[in-house]
């Protein structure tokens, strides 16, 4: 079982790197602090889907890190 968690963590880490590199550069600058840069722009559906997929893969990665780090499964 521990080996399976390690495999999931490695795969999710690789997928997370790929998904983050696929994101378009925003270049918000200092306007990104108060979310003011997104006031007049809208996200396309492909970018929304990419954001959701990135969040899901990041959540899987974090869960694997906690499981392996705290030794929940031995």
PDB file of N, CA and C in Angstrom:
ATOM      1  N   UNK A   1       0.828  -1.199   0.000  1.00  0.00           N
ATOM      2  CA  UNK A   1       0.000   0.000   0.000  1.00  0.00           C
ATOM      3  C   UNK A   1       0.871   1.262   0.000  1.00  0.00           C
ATOM      4  N   UNK A   2       1.959   1.202   0.734  1.00  0.00           N
ATOM      5  CA  UNK A   2       2.857   2.355   0.803  1.00  0.00           C
ATOM      6  C   UNK A   2       3.489   2.640  -0.551  1.00  0.00           C
ATOM      7  N   UNK A   3       3.800   1.571  -1.283  1.00  0.00           N
ATOM      8  CA  UNK A   3       4.375   1.738  -2.620  1.00  0.00           C
ATOM      9  C   UNK A   3       3.386   2.402  -3.557  1.00  0.00           C
ATOM     10  N   UNK A   4       2.122   2.064  -3.424  1.00  0.00           N
ATOM     11  CA  UNK A   4       1.081   2.674  -4.261  1.00  0.00           C
ATOM     12  C   UNK A   4       0.980   4.181  -4.004  1.00  0.00           C
ATOM     13  N   UNK A   5       1.056   4.573  -2.746  1.00  0.00           N
ATOM     14  CA  UNK A   5       1.004   6.006  -2.408  1.00  0.00           C
ATOM     15  C   UNK A   5       2.214   6.731  -2.988  1.00  0.00           C
ATOM     16  N   UNK A   6       3.385   6.104  -2.933  1.00  0.00           N
ATOM     17  CA  UNK A   6       4.586   6.704  -3.522  1.00  0.00           C
ATOM     18  C   UNK A   6       4.423   6.877  -5.027  1.00  0.00           C
ATOM     19  N   UNK A   7       3.874   5.871  -5.689  1.00  0.00           N
ATOM     20  CA  UNK A   7       3.672   5.952  -7.145  1.00  0.00           C
ATOM     21  C   UNK A   7       2.692   7.064  -7.484  1.00  0.00           C
ATOM     22  N   UNK A   8       1.609   7.161  -6.721  1.00  0.00           N
ATOM     23  CA  UNK A   8       0.619   8.226  -6.953  1.00  0.00           C
ATOM     24  C   UNK A   8       1.257   9.589  -6.735  1.00  0.00           C
ATOM     25  N   UNK A   9       2.097   9.709  -5.719  1.00  0.00           N
ATOM     26  CA  UNK A   9       2.741  10.990  -5.442  1.00  0.00           C
ATOM     27  C   UNK A   9       3.685  11.398  -6.571  1.00  0.00           C
ATOM     28  N   UNK A  10       4.469  10.458  -7.069  1.00  0.00           N
ATOM     29  CA  UNK A  10       5.406  10.783  -8.150  1.00  0.00           C
ATOM     30  C   UNK A  10       4.649  11.167  -9.420  1.00  0.00           C
ATOM     31  N   UNK A  11       3.602  10.414  -9.748  1.00  0.00           N
ATOM     32  CA  UNK A  11       2.814  10.724 -10.949  1.00  0.00           C
ATOM     33  C   UNK A  11       2.128  12.071 -10.805  1.00  0.00           C
ATOM     34  N   UNK A  12       1.565  12.353  -9.625  1.00  0.00           N
ATOM     35  CA  UNK A  12       0.889  13.641  -9.439  1.00  0.00           C
ATOM     36  C   UNK A  12       1.890  14.793  -9.463  1.00  0.00           C
ATOM     37  N   UNK A  13       3.115  14.569  -8.986  1.00  0.00           N
ATOM     38  CA  UNK A  13       4.133  15.627  -9.034  1.00  0.00           C
ATOM     39  C   UNK A  13       4.516  15.947 -10.471  1.00  0.00           C
ATOM     40  N   UNK A  14       4.679  14.909 -11.278  1.00  0.00           N
ATOM     41  CA  UNK A  14       5.024  15.132 -12.685  1.00  0.00           C
ATOM     42  C   UNK A  14       3.871  15.817 -13.417  1.00  0.00           C
ATOM     43  N   UNK A  15       2.644  15.345 -13.169  1.00  0.00           N
ATOM     44  CA  UNK A  15       1.478  15.979 -13.798  1.00  0.00           C
ATOM     45  C   UNK A  15       1.325  17.430 -13.362  1.00  0.00           C
ATOM     46  N   UNK A  16       1.592  17.703 -12.092  1.00  0.00           N
ATOM     47  CA  UNK A  16       1.477  19.067 -11.582  1.00  0.00           C
ATOM     48  C   UNK A  16       2.472  19.996 -12.264  1.00  0.00           C
ATOM     49  N   UNK A  17       3.692  19.528 -12.461  1.00  0.00           N
ATOM     50  CA  UNK A  17       4.686  20.352 -13.166  1.00  0.00           C
ATOM     51  C   UNK A  17       4.242  20.632 -14.597  1.00  0.00           C
ATOM     52  N   UNK A  18       3.736  19.622 -15.275  1.00  0.00           N
ATOM     53  CA  UNK A  18       3.290  19.795 -16.659  1.00  0.00           C
ATOM     54  C   UNK A  18       2.107  20.753 -16.730  1.00  0.00           C
ATOM     55  N   UNK A  19       1.133  20.580 -15.828  1.00  0.00           N
ATOM     56  CA  UNK A  19      -0.050  21.440 -15.846  1.00  0.00           C
ATOM     57  C   UNK A  19       0.294  22.887 -15.529  1.00  0.00           C
ATOM     58  N   UNK A  20       1.203  23.098 -14.600  1.00  0.00           N
ATOM     59  CA  UNK A  20       1.595  24.476 -14.262  1.00  0.00           C
ATOM     60  C   UNK A  20       2.301  25.131 -15.441  1.00  0.00           C
ATOM     61  N   UNK A  21       3.121  24.373 -16.140  1.00  0.00           N
ATOM     62  CA  UNK A  21       3.800  24.939 -17.308  1.00  0.00           C
ATOM     63  C   UNK A  21       2.842  25.215 -18.462  1.00  0.00           C
ATOM     64  N   UNK A  22       1.698  24.552 -18.486  1.00  0.00           N
ATOM     65  CA  UNK A  22       0.719  24.782 -19.551  1.00  0.00           C
ATOM     66  C   UNK A  22      -0.092  26.060 -19.347  1.00  0.00           C
ATOM     67  N   UNK A  23      -0.096  26.606 -18.144  1.00  0.00           N
ATOM     68  CA  UNK A  23      -0.855  27.820 -17.871  1.00  0.00           C
ATOM     69  C   UNK A  23      -0.274  28.996 -18.648  1.00  0.00           C
ATOM     70  N   UNK A  24      -1.147  29.888 -19.050  1.00  0.00           N
ATOM     71  CA  UNK A  24      -0.692  31.072 -19.773  1.00  0.00           C
ATOM     72  C   UNK A  24      -0.142  32.093 -18.776  1.00  0.00           C
ATOM     73  N   UNK A  25       0.920  32.786 -19.153  1.00  0.00           N
ATOM     74  CA  UNK A  25       1.461  33.802 -18.247  1.00  0.00           C
ATOM     75  C   UNK A  25       0.499  34.979 -18.144  1.00  0.00           C
ATOM     76  N   UNK A  26       0.266  35.405 -16.950  1.00  0.00           N
ATOM     77  CA  UNK A  26      -0.715  36.473 -16.740  1.00  0.00           C
ATOM     78  C   UNK A  26      -0.059  37.849 -16.707  1.00  0.00           C
ATOM     79  N   UNK A  27       1.045  37.977 -16.020  1.00  0.00           N
ATOM     80  CA  UNK A  27       1.725  39.264 -15.946  1.00  0.00           C
ATOM     81  C   UNK A  27       0.892  40.323 -15.264  1.00  0.00           C
ATOM     82  N   UNK A  28       0.215  39.968 -14.172  1.00  0.00           N
ATOM     83  CA  UNK A  28      -0.644  40.915 -13.479  1.00  0.00           C
ATOM     84  C   UNK A  28       0.141  42.044 -12.825  1.00  0.00           C
ATOM     85  N   UNK A  29       1.332  41.724 -12.378  1.00  0.00           N
ATOM     86  CA  UNK A  29       2.115  42.725 -11.667  1.00  0.00           C
ATOM     87  C   UNK A  29       1.535  42.992 -10.299  1.00  0.00           C
ATOM     88  N   UNK A  30       1.576  44.234  -9.871  1.00  0.00           N
ATOM     89  CA  UNK A  30       1.091  44.578  -8.537  1.00  0.00           C
ATOM     90  C   UNK A  30      -0.431  44.572  -8.468  1.00  0.00           C
ATOM     91  N   UNK A  31      -1.100  44.601  -9.614  1.00  0.00           N
ATOM     92  CA  UNK A  31      -2.563  44.576  -9.622  1.00  0.00           C
ATOM     93  C   UNK A  31      -3.103  43.217  -9.204  1.00  0.00           C
ATOM     94  N   UNK A  32      -2.279  42.199  -9.261  1.00  0.00           N
ATOM     95  CA  UNK A  32      -2.709  40.870  -8.864  1.00  0.00           C
ATOM     96  C   UNK A  32      -2.919  40.723  -7.369  1.00  0.00           C
ATOM     97  N   UNK A  33      -2.422  41.654  -6.583  1.00  0.00           N
ATOM     98  CA  UNK A  33      -2.560  41.563  -5.128  1.00  0.00           C
ATOM     99  C   UNK A  33      -4.021  41.714  -4.721  1.00  0.00           C
ATOM    100  N   UNK A  34      -4.681  42.693  -5.228  1.00  0.00           N
ATOM    101  CA  UNK A  34      -6.068  42.942  -4.853  1.00  0.00           C
ATOM    102  C   UNK A  34      -7.070  42.363  -5.822  1.00  0.00           C
ATOM    103  N   UNK A  35      -6.622  41.501  -6.716  1.00  0.00           N
ATOM    104  CA  UNK A  35      -7.479  40.882  -7.718  1.00  0.00           C
ATOM    105  C   UNK A  35      -8.044  41.923  -8.684  1.00  0.00           C
ATOM    106  N   UNK A  36      -7.401  43.071  -8.790  1.00  0.00           N
ATOM    107  CA  UNK A  36      -7.892  44.127  -9.661  1.00  0.00           C
ATOM    108  C   UNK A  36      -7.633  43.835 -11.129  1.00  0.00           C
ATOM    109  N   UNK A  37      -6.652  42.994 -11.417  1.00  0.00           N
ATOM    110  CA  UNK A  37      -6.325  42.698 -12.807  1.00  0.00           C
ATOM    111  C   UNK A  37      -7.388  41.836 -13.464  1.00  0.00           C
ATOM    112  N   UNK A  38      -8.149  41.071 -12.673  1.00  0.00           N
ATOM    113  CA  UNK A  38      -9.170  40.200 -13.236  1.00  0.00           C
ATOM    114  C   UNK A  38     -10.529  40.884 -13.321  1.00  0.00           C
ATOM    115  N   UNK A  39     -10.591  42.149 -12.999  1.00  0.00           N
ATOM    116  CA  UNK A  39     -11.865  42.852 -12.986  1.00  0.00           C
ATOM    117  C   UNK A  39     -12.457  42.980 -14.389  1.00  0.00           C
ATOM    118  N   UNK A  40     -11.616  43.163 -15.384  1.00  0.00           N
ATOM    119  CA  UNK A  40     -12.105  43.405 -16.736  1.00  0.00           C
ATOM    120  C   UNK A  40     -11.800  42.263 -17.693  1.00  0.00           C
ATOM    121  N   UNK A  41     -11.330  41.143 -17.185  1.00  0.00           N
ATOM    122  CA  UNK A  41     -11.019  40.019 -18.047  1.00  0.00           C
ATOM    123  C   UNK A  41     -11.874  38.828 -17.671  1.00  0.00           C
ATOM    124  N   UNK A  42     -12.077  37.944 -18.625  1.00  0.00           N
ATOM    125  CA  UNK A  42     -12.829  36.720 -18.343  1.00  0.00           C
ATOM    126  C   UNK A  42     -11.980  35.524 -18.744  1.00  0.00           C
ATOM    127  N   UNK A  43     -12.164  34.426 -18.022  1.00  0.00           N
ATOM    128  CA  UNK A  43     -11.426  33.224 -18.334  1.00  0.00           C
ATOM    129  C   UNK A  43     -12.159  32.442 -19.414  1.00  0.00           C
ATOM    130  N   UNK A  44     -11.403  31.849 -20.297  1.00  0.00           N
ATOM    131  CA  UNK A  44     -11.985  30.974 -21.290  1.00  0.00           C
ATOM    132  C   UNK A  44     -12.282  29.635 -20.640  1.00  0.00           C
ATOM    133  N   UNK A  45     -13.146  28.845 -21.258  1.00  0.00           N
ATOM    134  CA  UNK A  45     -13.537  27.573 -20.660  1.00  0.00           C
ATOM    135  C   UNK A  45     -12.368  26.596 -20.590  1.00  0.00           C
ATOM    136  N   UNK A  46     -11.465  26.637 -21.566  1.00  0.00           N
ATOM    137  CA  UNK A  46     -10.303  25.744 -21.522  1.00  0.00           C
ATOM    138  C   UNK A  46      -9.403  26.095 -20.344  1.00  0.00           C
ATOM    139  N   UNK A  47      -9.245  27.376 -20.076  1.00  0.00           N
ATOM    140  CA  UNK A  47      -8.411  27.801 -18.957  1.00  0.00           C
ATOM    141  C   UNK A  47      -9.078  27.460 -17.622  1.00  0.00           C
ATOM    142  N   UNK A  48     -10.407  27.558 -17.570  1.00  0.00           N
ATOM    143  CA  UNK A  48     -11.117  27.171 -16.345  1.00  0.00           C
ATOM    144  C   UNK A  48     -10.930  25.680 -16.073  1.00  0.00           C
ATOM    145  N   UNK A  49     -11.033  24.881 -17.123  1.00  0.00           N
ATOM    146  CA  UNK A  49     -10.832  23.443 -16.973  1.00  0.00           C
ATOM    147  C   UNK A  49      -9.417  23.106 -16.540  1.00  0.00           C
ATOM    148  N   UNK A  50      -8.457  23.825 -17.083  1.00  0.00           N
ATOM    149  CA  UNK A  50      -7.056  23.620 -16.708  1.00  0.00           C
ATOM    150  C   UNK A  50      -6.828  23.999 -15.252  1.00  0.00           C
ATOM    151  N   UNK A  51      -7.476  25.071 -14.805  1.00  0.00           N
ATOM    152  CA  UNK A  51      -7.357  25.477 -13.408  1.00  0.00           C
ATOM    153  C   UNK A  51      -7.944  24.430 -12.473  1.00  0.00           C
ATOM    154  N   UNK A  52      -9.095  23.875 -12.845  1.00  0.00           N
ATOM    155  CA  UNK A  52      -9.728  22.848 -12.015  1.00  0.00           C
ATOM    156  C   UNK A  52      -8.875  21.588 -11.960  1.00  0.00           C
ATOM    157  N   UNK A  53      -8.354  21.171 -13.105  1.00  0.00           N
ATOM    158  CA  UNK A  53      -7.523  19.972 -13.153  1.00  0.00           C
ATOM    159  C   UNK A  53      -6.244  20.167 -12.339  1.00  0.00           C
ATOM    160  N   UNK A  54      -5.656  21.348 -12.424  1.00  0.00           N
ATOM    161  CA  UNK A  54      -4.454  21.646 -11.642  1.00  0.00           C
ATOM    162  C   UNK A  54      -4.760  21.610 -10.151  1.00  0.00           C
ATOM    163  N   UNK A  55      -5.905  22.135  -9.754  1.00  0.00           N
ATOM    164  CA  UNK A  55      -6.282  22.122  -8.340  1.00  0.00           C
ATOM    165  C   UNK A  55      -6.507  20.698  -7.842  1.00  0.00           C
ATOM    166  N   UNK A  56      -7.119  19.859  -8.662  1.00  0.00           N
ATOM    167  CA  UNK A  56      -7.371  18.472  -8.269  1.00  0.00           C
ATOM    168  C   UNK A  56      -6.056  17.713  -8.110  1.00  0.00           C
ATOM    169  N   UNK A  57      -5.161  17.863  -9.075  1.00  0.00           N
ATOM    170  CA  UNK A  57      -3.866  17.172  -9.006  1.00  0.00           C
ATOM    171  C   UNK A  57      -3.055  17.685  -7.822  1.00  0.00           C
ATOM    172  N   UNK A  58      -3.127  18.988  -7.549  1.00  0.00           N
ATOM    173  CA  UNK A  58      -2.412  19.545  -6.396  1.00  0.00           C
ATOM    174  C   UNK A  58      -2.983  18.990  -5.090  1.00  0.00           C
ATOM    175  N   UNK A  59      -4.293  18.830  -5.016  1.00  0.00           N
ATOM    176  CA  UNK A  59      -4.913  18.274  -3.813  1.00  0.00           C
ATOM    177  C   UNK A  59      -4.488  16.819  -3.604  1.00  0.00           C
ATOM    178  N   UNK A  60      -4.434  16.044  -4.685  1.00  0.00           N
ATOM    179  CA  UNK A  60      -3.978  14.653  -4.586  1.00  0.00           C
ATOM    180  C   UNK A  60      -2.534  14.607  -4.102  1.00  0.00           C
ATOM    181  N   UNK A  61      -1.702  15.496  -4.619  1.00  0.00           N
ATOM    182  CA  UNK A  61      -0.302  15.553  -4.207  1.00  0.00           C
ATOM    183  C   UNK A  61      -0.176  15.890  -2.721  1.00  0.00           C
ATOM    184  N   UNK A  62      -0.945  16.871  -2.259  1.00  0.00           N
ATOM    185  CA  UNK A  62      -0.872  17.287  -0.857  1.00  0.00           C
ATOM    186  C   UNK A  62      -1.347  16.160   0.064  1.00  0.00           C
ATOM    187  N   UNK A  63      -2.406  15.464  -0.336  1.00  0.00           N
ATOM    188  CA  UNK A  63      -2.899  14.352   0.472  1.00  0.00           C
ATOM    189  C   UNK A  63      -1.835  13.250   0.566  1.00  0.00           C
ATOM    190  N   UNK A  64      -1.189  12.962  -0.538  1.00  0.00           N
ATOM    191  CA  UNK A  64      -0.114  11.955  -0.519  1.00  0.00           C
ATOM    192  C   UNK A  64       1.041  12.393   0.366  1.00  0.00           C
ATOM    193  N   UNK A  65       1.375  13.658   0.335  1.00  0.00           N
ATOM    194  CA  UNK A  65       2.459  14.171   1.183  1.00  0.00           C
ATOM    195  C   UNK A  65       2.104  13.999   2.658  1.00  0.00           C
ATOM    196  N   UNK A  66       0.864  14.316   3.024  1.00  0.00           N
ATOM    197  CA  UNK A  66       0.456  14.157   4.418  1.00  0.00           C
ATOM    198  C   UNK A  66       0.432  12.695   4.843  1.00  0.00           C
ATOM    199  N   UNK A  67      -0.055  11.838   3.966  1.00  0.00           N
ATOM    200  CA  UNK A  67      -0.095  10.402   4.283  1.00  0.00           C
ATOM    201  C   UNK A  67       1.318   9.856   4.485  1.00  0.00           C
ATOM    202  N   UNK A  68       2.213  10.207   3.595  1.00  0.00           N
ATOM    203  CA  UNK A  68       3.587   9.706   3.713  1.00  0.00           C
ATOM    204  C   UNK A  68       4.364  10.398   4.818  1.00  0.00           C
ATOM    205  N   UNK A  69       4.113  11.677   5.021  1.00  0.00           N
ATOM    206  CA  UNK A  69       4.863  12.440   6.014  1.00  0.00           C
ATOM    207  C   UNK A  69       4.513  12.085   7.447  1.00  0.00           C
ATOM    208  N   UNK A  70       3.222  11.884   7.708  1.00  0.00           N
ATOM    209  CA  UNK A  70       2.796  11.575   9.068  1.00  0.00           C
ATOM    210  C   UNK A  70       2.764  10.077   9.343  1.00  0.00           C
ATOM    211  N   UNK A  71       3.042   9.268   8.337  1.00  0.00           N
ATOM    212  CA  UNK A  71       3.084   7.832   8.526  1.00  0.00           C
ATOM    213  C   UNK A  71       1.733   7.232   8.850  1.00  0.00           C
ATOM    214  N   UNK A  72       0.698   7.746   8.232  1.00  0.00           N
ATOM    215  CA  UNK A  72      -0.657   7.248   8.475  1.00  0.00           C
ATOM    216  C   UNK A  72      -0.774   5.792   8.019  1.00  0.00           C
ATOM    217  N   UNK A  73      -0.190   5.484   6.867  1.00  0.00           N
ATOM    218  CA  UNK A  73      -0.218   4.124   6.346  1.00  0.00           C
ATOM    219  C   UNK A  73       1.173   3.540   6.497  1.00  0.00           C
ATOM    220  N   UNK A  74       1.243   2.372   7.098  1.00  0.00           N
ATOM    221  CA  UNK A  74       2.556   1.732   7.288  1.00  0.00           C
ATOM    222  C   UNK A  74       2.599   0.400   6.617  1.00  0.00           C
TER     223      UNK A  74
END
